[in-house]
């Protein structure tokens, strides 16, 4: 996803500062994309230079830090965004998840530590799934397109969580076999973890 068009799209809803844009992306587009502050502020600077956004206001930060610049989309920005919306989308589906890169190489590391990390991912995605489900009603008020993408976020989250649980279960069983049932520590399988949570 292009930072430029993500920012222009979000500014259609309301004027925002960079911190709010990042928070909004993390909360609502996390299943599609991750972003850092440097990317956002660089994009805002370039958009302002191109006349696609304008700094409308400056407001104090919540924690006493530097004042936050609030940006508004310009008519030229709306035209540029409309051109992008009408253009052909990219054909490849990209999943950018730093955990997946680490997962690929877990075979070179400590088995038990890998399982601990996967367990933390399971917990994170369980919590995220609850948040996504709770937010569905709110997103329904923003129209069909927003509602449908929010539903996709829930389905992606659910599918990913199912895969994480299966990966943990299979790797737990193999780790127990590798350590030897008699002398290794008994590692919990996902089913045991699920029973304990229930």
Protein backbone atom coordinates (compact mmCIF):
# COMPACT_ATOMS: atom_id res chain seq x y z
CA UNK A 1 0.00 0.00 0.00
CA UNK A 2 1.28 3.46 -0.89
CA UNK A 3 1.76 5.75 2.11
CA UNK A 4 0.80 8.68 -0.10
CA UNK A 5 -2.64 7.35 -0.96
CA UNK A 6 -3.30 5.92 2.48
CA UNK A 7 -2.77 9.39 3.96
CA UNK A 8 -4.90 11.07 1.28
CA UNK A 9 -7.65 8.51 1.86
CA UNK A 10 -7.70 8.99 5.62
CA UNK A 11 -7.81 12.77 5.24
CA UNK A 12 -11.10 12.34 3.35
CA UNK A 13 -12.68 11.41 6.68
CA UNK A 14 -11.31 14.32 8.70
CA UNK A 15 -8.26 16.50 9.25
CA UNK A 16 -5.53 14.59 11.11
CA UNK A 17 -2.01 14.88 12.47
CA UNK A 18 0.66 12.25 11.77
CA UNK A 19 0.32 10.46 15.10
CA UNK A 20 -3.40 9.99 14.60
CA UNK A 21 -2.83 8.67 11.07
CA UNK A 22 -0.38 6.04 12.37
CA UNK A 23 -2.73 5.01 15.19
CA UNK A 24 -5.62 4.71 12.75
CA UNK A 25 -3.59 2.53 10.34
CA UNK A 26 -2.36 0.25 13.13
CA UNK A 27 -5.83 -0.18 14.62
CA UNK A 28 -7.81 -0.64 11.42
CA UNK A 29 -5.45 -1.71 8.65
CA UNK A 30 -3.08 -3.88 10.67
CA UNK A 31 -4.02 -7.01 8.74
CA UNK A 32 -2.93 -5.33 5.50
CA UNK A 33 -0.05 -3.07 6.34
CA UNK A 34 2.38 -1.71 8.91
CA UNK A 35 3.96 1.74 8.90
CA UNK A 36 6.32 3.84 11.00
CA UNK A 37 6.29 7.53 11.93
CA UNK A 38 9.17 8.33 9.60
CA UNK A 39 7.18 7.13 6.58
CA UNK A 40 4.12 9.14 7.60
CA UNK A 41 5.93 12.41 8.25
CA UNK A 42 8.00 12.08 5.07
CA UNK A 43 4.79 11.45 3.09
CA UNK A 44 3.03 14.44 4.68
CA UNK A 45 5.98 16.70 3.86
CA UNK A 46 6.00 15.58 0.21
CA UNK A 47 2.22 15.85 -0.09
CA UNK A 48 2.40 19.39 1.24
CA UNK A 49 5.16 20.27 -1.26
CA UNK A 50 2.98 18.86 -4.08
CA UNK A 51 -0.01 20.93 -2.93
CA UNK A 52 -2.08 17.83 -2.16
CA UNK A 53 -2.42 18.58 1.56
CA UNK A 54 -2.13 21.75 3.59
CA UNK A 55 -1.25 22.26 7.24
CA UNK A 56 -4.44 23.60 8.74
CA UNK A 57 -3.70 23.84 12.44
CA UNK A 58 -1.14 23.17 15.17
CA UNK A 59 -2.23 21.55 18.40
CA UNK A 60 -0.38 20.61 21.59
CA UNK A 61 0.52 16.93 22.05
CA UNK A 62 -1.08 14.83 24.77
CA UNK A 63 2.21 14.13 26.57
CA UNK A 64 3.88 17.53 26.45
CA UNK A 65 5.96 16.70 23.38
CA UNK A 66 6.30 18.80 20.21
CA UNK A 67 3.15 20.41 18.88
CA UNK A 68 1.30 18.36 16.29
CA UNK A 69 0.60 19.66 12.81
CA UNK A 70 -2.94 18.95 11.63
CA UNK A 71 -3.29 18.41 7.87
CA UNK A 72 -6.22 18.82 5.52
CA UNK A 73 -6.60 17.45 1.99
CA UNK A 74 -6.77 20.04 -0.82
CA UNK A 75 -8.95 19.93 -3.95
CA UNK A 76 -5.83 18.89 -5.90
CA UNK A 77 -5.32 16.11 -3.36
CA UNK A 78 -8.87 14.87 -3.88
CA UNK A 79 -8.36 14.85 -7.66
CA UNK A 80 -5.09 12.91 -7.32
CA UNK A 81 -6.78 10.43 -4.98
CA UNK A 82 -9.69 9.95 -7.40
CA UNK A 83 -7.22 9.18 -10.21
CA UNK A 84 -5.54 6.56 -8.00
CA UNK A 85 -8.90 5.00 -7.04
CA UNK A 86 -9.82 4.60 -10.71
CA UNK A 87 -6.46 3.09 -11.70
CA UNK A 88 -5.75 -0.63 -11.92
CA UNK A 89 -4.79 -2.13 -8.54
CA UNK A 90 -1.58 -4.04 -7.94
CA UNK A 91 -1.96 -7.73 -8.83
CA UNK A 92 0.11 -9.26 -6.03
CA UNK A 93 -1.15 -9.76 -2.52
CA UNK A 94 1.60 -8.94 -0.03
CA UNK A 95 1.61 -9.95 3.62
CA UNK A 96 4.23 -8.00 5.53
CA UNK A 97 4.59 -9.57 8.94
CA UNK A 98 8.02 -9.52 10.65
CA UNK A 99 6.98 -12.56 12.68
CA UNK A 100 6.63 -14.69 9.54
CA UNK A 101 10.19 -13.90 8.48
CA UNK A 102 11.40 -14.99 11.92
CA UNK A 103 9.17 -18.09 11.80
CA UNK A 104 10.86 -19.32 8.62
CA UNK A 105 14.20 -19.48 10.45
CA UNK A 106 13.01 -20.91 13.78
CA UNK A 107 14.54 -24.26 12.76
CA UNK A 108 18.00 -22.79 13.42
CA UNK A 109 17.16 -21.66 16.96
CA UNK A 110 15.95 -23.00 20.28
CA UNK A 111 12.76 -25.06 19.93
CA UNK A 112 11.25 -24.09 23.26
CA UNK A 113 11.89 -20.40 22.69
CA UNK A 114 10.21 -20.63 19.29
CA UNK A 115 7.12 -22.13 20.95
CA UNK A 116 7.07 -19.34 23.54
CA UNK A 117 7.12 -16.72 20.79
CA UNK A 118 4.33 -18.50 18.90
CA UNK A 119 2.27 -18.64 22.11
CA UNK A 120 2.66 -14.87 22.49
CA UNK A 121 1.52 -14.41 18.90
CA UNK A 122 -1.54 -16.55 19.61
CA UNK A 123 -2.39 -14.37 22.61
CA UNK A 124 -1.85 -11.17 20.60
CA UNK A 125 -4.12 -12.34 17.78
CA UNK A 126 -6.78 -13.58 20.20
CA UNK A 127 -6.91 -10.10 21.74
CA UNK A 128 -6.83 -8.45 18.31
CA UNK A 129 -9.69 -10.65 17.09
CA UNK A 130 -11.86 -9.58 20.03
CA UNK A 131 -11.13 -5.92 19.26
CA UNK A 132 -11.94 -6.38 15.58
CA UNK A 133 -15.23 -8.09 16.36
CA UNK A 134 -16.15 -5.38 18.86
CA UNK A 135 -15.43 -2.69 16.24
CA UNK A 136 -17.55 -4.26 13.50
CA UNK A 137 -20.76 -2.55 14.60
CA UNK A 138 -19.03 0.83 14.54
CA UNK A 139 -17.61 0.27 11.05
CA UNK A 140 -21.03 -0.68 9.67
CA UNK A 141 -22.01 2.97 10.03
CA UNK A 142 -19.30 4.01 7.55
CA UNK A 143 -20.87 2.28 4.55
CA UNK A 144 -20.58 -1.01 2.70
CA UNK A 145 -16.95 -0.72 1.60
CA UNK A 146 -15.63 -0.01 5.08
CA UNK A 147 -17.88 -2.70 6.59
CA UNK A 148 -16.69 -5.31 4.10
CA UNK A 149 -12.99 -4.54 4.68
CA UNK A 150 -13.59 -4.71 8.45
CA UNK A 151 -15.20 -8.13 7.99
CA UNK A 152 -12.19 -9.20 5.92
CA UNK A 153 -9.94 -8.12 8.80
CA UNK A 154 -11.88 -10.37 11.18
CA UNK A 155 -11.71 -13.31 8.75
CA UNK A 156 -7.96 -12.84 8.13
CA UNK A 157 -7.36 -12.60 11.86
CA UNK A 158 -9.40 -15.75 12.48
CA UNK A 159 -7.58 -17.68 9.74
CA UNK A 160 -4.15 -16.55 10.95
CA UNK A 161 -5.02 -17.50 14.53
CA UNK A 162 -6.13 -20.94 13.39
CA UNK A 163 -2.81 -21.39 11.55
CA UNK A 164 -0.79 -20.22 14.59
CA UNK A 165 -2.59 -22.72 16.83
CA UNK A 166 -1.98 -25.54 14.37
CA UNK A 167 1.69 -24.58 14.00
CA UNK A 168 2.11 -24.51 17.79
CA UNK A 169 0.39 -27.88 18.17
CA UNK A 170 2.52 -29.60 15.51
CA UNK A 171 5.78 -28.06 16.68
CA UNK A 172 5.01 -28.86 20.32
CA UNK A 173 4.51 -32.53 19.45
CA UNK A 174 7.76 -32.66 17.48
CA UNK A 175 9.67 -30.92 20.24
CA UNK A 176 8.44 -33.43 22.80
CA UNK A 177 9.52 -36.25 20.48
CA UNK A 178 12.95 -34.64 19.94
CA UNK A 179 13.59 -34.16 23.65
CA UNK A 180 12.36 -37.65 24.54
CA UNK A 181 9.20 -38.13 26.54
CA UNK A 182 11.03 -39.39 29.62
CA UNK A 183 13.74 -36.80 30.06
CA UNK A 184 12.55 -33.59 28.45
CA UNK A 185 10.24 -31.02 29.98
CA UNK A 186 6.66 -31.59 28.95
CA UNK A 187 5.53 -28.75 26.72
CA UNK A 188 1.91 -27.71 26.57
CA UNK A 189 0.09 -28.22 23.32
CA UNK A 190 -2.37 -25.68 22.02
CA UNK A 191 -5.29 -27.86 23.11
CA UNK A 192 -3.97 -27.81 26.69
CA UNK A 193 -3.56 -24.04 26.51
CA UNK A 194 -7.11 -23.70 25.19
CA UNK A 195 -8.52 -25.94 27.95
CA UNK A 196 -6.75 -23.88 30.59
CA UNK A 197 -8.19 -20.65 29.16
CA UNK A 198 -11.71 -22.05 29.11
